[in-house]
Amino acid sequence: MKDKKQINIEVGTRIKCAREKAGLTQDRFSELIGMGPKSVSALERGTVGISLSTLQRICQVLSISSDDILFDNDIAENDAQMLTTRLTRLSSEQFEITKEILNKLFEAFAISGK
């Protein structure tokens, strides 16, 4: 069984990975979850543990499950779910703009063969 320190390090690493996948800086992430940047840094390094309320806020902001943070799941498996959740939160106008951008991007990929 893993000790508390090792669990904190693993949880912190998963939080950092999920934050980076979401394209958030540590400063912006700290604002969104209502913590100071130093506290987020300590959390990501595993020098402190995570409370349930903080875990809940992190999962809401990153559109992920607490299982992704607490257990050794591959966060990449949930990328499509995260994107879908983010798209549903957009206004109609923002969604249409995003859809146009994505369609242009997909067309560019098809033309370039990538």
Foldseek 3Di string as FASTA:
>chain_A
DDDLQVQQQQLLCLLVVLCVVLVHDLCRLCVQLVHHSVVNVCSNRSVDHDDPSSLVSSCVVSVHDSCSRRDVDDCVVCPVVSVVVVLVPDDPVVNVVVVVVVVVVVVVCVVVVD
